[in-house]
Amino acid sequence: MNLWVAVLRKRHAFTDEEGDPHSPRLNGFWPVQLGNVFYYVREARNTATLEKYAHDISVDRWDRSFFNHGLVGPVVGTVALCALIGVGWGLLAAGLHGMIYVFFLSSSINGLCHVRGYRTFDNTATNIPWLALLTGGEGFHNTITVSRAAPSSASARARLIRAGRSFSCSPV
C-alpha cells in the first residue's frame, strides 16, 4: 500500500510536470496508456520516492501478510474463479481481466484522463467520471491520504507534497 501511495503522492505533486512518474503529456499518450505499469514499477522501486512520499505510512500486518506481495491477490482471485466457473473458464477470465485491467483500465487513469479529462476537484488531477466509476480511479483516489486538512489552492498542496508532507484531498 505504501508503494502505491508514494507514487500517487509524487504524481500529484508534479502532475504533468518534470518529476511526474508517468505523465502522458511528457512521455506521450501511447507509452503511458500501454506501458503505465512499467513507469509505476520503476518509480515504486525508487527508495527516495518511498522515503519522501510515504514516510508517514507504517507497514502493518495486513501489508506484511498480503498487500506487499503482488501475487497474493491474483492467485486468490484466479483460484476463486476456477472454483466458481471451472479451471478453463476461470483461467481465461483471470487472464482477460489481468490484461484489460493492466493495459487498459488502470492505465487509462494516467493516460486517457490526463490527456482528455477535465478537472472535477480543486487540485491538479483531471478526471473522466464514467472511467472513474469503472476503475475506482481519479475520482475515488483523490479522497485518500492522511493527516491534515488540504490547503485551499492546488499550488499550495503541490508545494506540501513536494516537501514530503501529507494532507487529505477531498472533493470541493
Protein backbone atom coordinates (compact mmCIF):
# COMPACT_ATOMS: atom_id res chain seq x y z
CA MET A 1 0.00 0.00 0.00
CA ASN A 2 2.76 2.48 0.84
CA LEU A 3 4.31 1.94 -2.62
CA TRP A 4 1.08 2.96 -4.31
CA VAL A 5 0.57 5.95 -2.01
CA ALA A 6 4.15 7.16 -2.56
CA VAL A 7 3.82 7.03 -6.35
CA LEU A 8 0.37 8.65 -6.21
CA ARG A 9 1.56 11.47 -3.97
CA LYS A 10 4.56 12.13 -6.20
CA ARG A 11 2.29 12.06 -9.26
CA HIS A 12 0.04 14.71 -7.73
CA ALA A 13 3.00 16.80 -6.58
CA PHE A 14 4.29 17.02 -10.16
CA THR A 15 1.17 16.39 -12.24
CA ASP A 16 2.18 16.67 -15.89
CA GLU A 17 5.40 18.50 -14.94
CA GLU A 18 9.01 17.33 -14.80
CA GLY A 19 9.14 14.79 -11.95
CA ASP A 20 5.75 13.19 -12.72
CA PRO A 21 6.41 9.42 -12.74
CA HIS A 22 4.01 8.67 -15.60
CA SER A 23 2.71 11.72 -17.44
CA PRO A 24 1.21 11.22 -20.89
CA ARG A 25 1.89 14.89 -21.60
CA LEU A 26 5.64 14.36 -21.01
CA ASN A 27 6.10 10.75 -22.12
CA GLY A 28 3.40 10.53 -24.79
CA PHE A 29 -0.10 9.11 -24.66
CA TRP A 30 0.58 5.63 -26.06
CA PRO A 31 3.70 4.85 -23.99
CA VAL A 32 1.74 5.67 -20.81
CA GLN A 33 -1.51 4.06 -21.99
CA LEU A 34 0.19 0.78 -22.92
CA GLY A 35 3.14 0.83 -20.51
CA ASN A 36 1.89 2.62 -17.40
CA VAL A 37 2.62 -0.42 -15.26
CA PHE A 38 6.32 -0.20 -16.20
CA TYR A 39 6.51 3.50 -15.28
CA TYR A 40 4.76 2.71 -11.98
CA VAL A 41 7.06 -0.21 -11.10
CA ARG A 42 10.16 1.86 -11.90
CA GLU A 43 9.01 4.66 -9.57
CA ALA A 44 7.88 2.23 -6.84
CA ARG A 45 11.45 0.85 -6.74
CA ASN A 46 12.87 4.33 -6.14
CA THR A 47 13.71 4.37 -2.42
CA ALA A 48 13.95 8.18 -2.38
CA THR A 49 10.32 8.39 -3.54
CA LEU A 50 9.20 5.96 -0.85
CA GLU A 51 11.10 7.77 1.90
CA LYS A 52 9.84 11.20 0.90
CA TYR A 53 6.23 10.49 -0.04
CA ALA A 54 5.26 7.56 2.20
CA HIS A 55 7.31 8.25 5.32
CA ASP A 56 4.16 8.64 7.41
CA ILE A 57 2.69 5.26 6.48
CA SER A 58 3.55 2.41 8.76
CA VAL A 59 3.62 -1.15 7.49
CA ASP A 60 1.15 -3.28 9.45
CA ARG A 61 0.43 -6.99 9.46
CA TRP A 62 -2.02 -6.68 6.53
CA ASP A 63 0.77 -5.15 4.45
CA ARG A 64 3.29 -7.77 5.55
CA SER A 65 0.84 -10.63 5.00
CA PHE A 66 -0.96 -9.60 1.81
CA PHE A 67 -0.51 -6.17 0.24
CA ASN A 68 3.29 -6.21 -0.06
CA HIS A 69 3.09 -9.45 -2.05
CA GLY A 70 1.84 -8.64 -5.53
CA LEU A 71 0.90 -12.21 -6.42
CA VAL A 72 -1.42 -12.92 -3.49
CA GLY A 73 -4.44 -11.09 -4.98
CA PRO A 74 -4.18 -12.52 -8.49
CA VAL A 75 -3.58 -16.06 -7.19
CA VAL A 76 -6.51 -15.92 -4.74
CA GLY A 77 -8.74 -14.37 -7.42
CA THR A 78 -7.77 -16.95 -10.03
CA VAL A 79 -8.32 -19.85 -7.62
CA ALA A 80 -11.74 -18.43 -6.69
CA LEU A 81 -12.71 -18.05 -10.36
CA CYS A 82 -11.58 -21.59 -11.14
CA ALA A 83 -13.61 -22.90 -8.18
CA LEU A 84 -16.71 -20.99 -9.31
CA ILE A 85 -16.70 -21.49 -13.08
CA GLY A 86 -14.19 -24.26 -13.77
CA VAL A 87 -10.49 -24.33 -14.43
CA GLY A 88 -10.51 -23.48 -18.15
CA TRP A 89 -13.02 -20.64 -17.94
CA GLY A 90 -11.50 -19.40 -14.69
CA LEU A 91 -8.02 -19.16 -16.19
CA LEU A 92 -9.40 -17.45 -19.29
CA ALA A 93 -11.42 -14.94 -17.24
CA ALA A 94 -8.47 -14.20 -14.93
CA GLY A 95 -6.10 -13.73 -17.87
CA LEU A 96 -8.52 -11.43 -19.72
CA HIS A 97 -9.21 -9.44 -16.56
CA GLY A 98 -5.49 -9.03 -15.89
CA MET A 99 -4.74 -7.86 -19.44
CA ILE A 100 -7.72 -5.49 -19.59
CA TYR A 101 -7.06 -4.01 -16.16
CA VAL A 102 -3.29 -3.56 -16.50
CA PHE A 103 -3.19 -2.39 -20.12
CA PHE A 104 -6.50 -0.50 -20.40
CA LEU A 105 -8.49 0.36 -17.27
CA SER A 106 -5.72 1.17 -14.80
CA SER A 107 -3.51 2.90 -17.35
CA SER A 108 -6.48 4.94 -18.63
CA ILE A 109 -6.49 6.82 -15.35
CA ASN A 110 -2.98 8.12 -16.03
CA GLY A 111 -3.22 8.15 -19.82
CA LEU A 112 -6.69 8.98 -21.06
CA CYS A 113 -7.81 11.03 -18.05
CA HIS A 114 -4.75 13.26 -18.15
CA VAL A 115 -4.98 13.84 -21.90
CA ARG A 116 -8.75 14.10 -22.40
CA GLY A 117 -10.11 14.53 -18.87
CA TYR A 118 -11.17 17.68 -17.09
CA ARG A 119 -10.85 18.93 -13.53
CA THR A 120 -13.59 17.81 -11.18
CA PHE A 121 -11.72 18.62 -7.97
CA ASP A 122 -9.81 21.65 -6.76
CA ASN A 123 -6.45 20.05 -7.44
CA THR A 124 -4.26 19.24 -10.41
CA ALA A 125 -5.93 15.92 -11.28
CA THR A 126 -8.16 15.54 -14.29
CA ASN A 127 -10.97 13.06 -14.48
CA ILE A 128 -13.47 11.28 -16.72
CA PRO A 129 -16.45 10.41 -14.46
CA TRP A 130 -17.57 7.21 -16.23
CA LEU A 131 -13.99 5.91 -16.21
CA ALA A 132 -13.57 6.78 -12.53
CA LEU A 133 -16.68 4.76 -11.70
CA LEU A 134 -15.50 1.84 -13.83
CA THR A 135 -11.99 1.71 -12.38
CA GLY A 136 -12.27 3.28 -8.94
CA GLY A 137 -9.86 5.83 -10.39
CA GLU A 138 -9.12 9.54 -10.02
CA GLY A 139 -12.49 10.46 -8.53
CA PHE A 140 -12.02 7.91 -5.79
CA HIS A 141 -8.29 8.04 -5.08
CA ASN A 142 -8.33 11.81 -4.63
CA THR A 143 -10.07 11.20 -1.32
CA ILE A 144 -7.18 9.16 0.10
CA THR A 145 -4.14 10.16 2.05
CA VAL A 146 -3.57 11.25 5.55
CA SER A 147 -3.20 13.62 8.41
CA ARG A 148 -4.14 17.27 7.84
CA ALA A 149 -6.71 19.36 6.01
CA ALA A 150 -5.85 20.30 2.44
CA PRO A 151 -4.74 23.85 1.74
CA SER A 152 -7.13 25.84 -0.42
CA SER A 153 -5.05 26.13 -3.59
CA ALA A 154 -3.66 23.42 -5.85
CA SER A 155 -0.24 25.10 -5.91
CA ALA A 156 -0.07 25.15 -2.10
CA ARG A 157 -0.95 21.45 -1.98
CA ALA A 158 1.69 20.66 -4.60
CA ARG A 159 4.31 22.52 -2.54
CA LEU A 160 3.38 20.45 0.55
CA ILE A 161 3.58 17.20 -1.39
CA ARG A 162 6.94 18.16 -2.91
CA ALA A 163 8.18 18.82 0.62
CA GLY A 164 7.05 15.33 1.63
CA ARG A 165 4.13 16.47 3.79
CA SER A 166 0.72 14.87 3.55
CA PHE A 167 -2.87 16.07 3.69
CA SER A 168 -6.25 14.75 2.70
CA CYS A 169 -7.74 15.64 -0.66
CA SER A 170 -11.49 15.78 -0.76
CA PRO A 171 -13.97 16.89 -3.40
CA VAL A 172 -14.99 20.54 -3.40
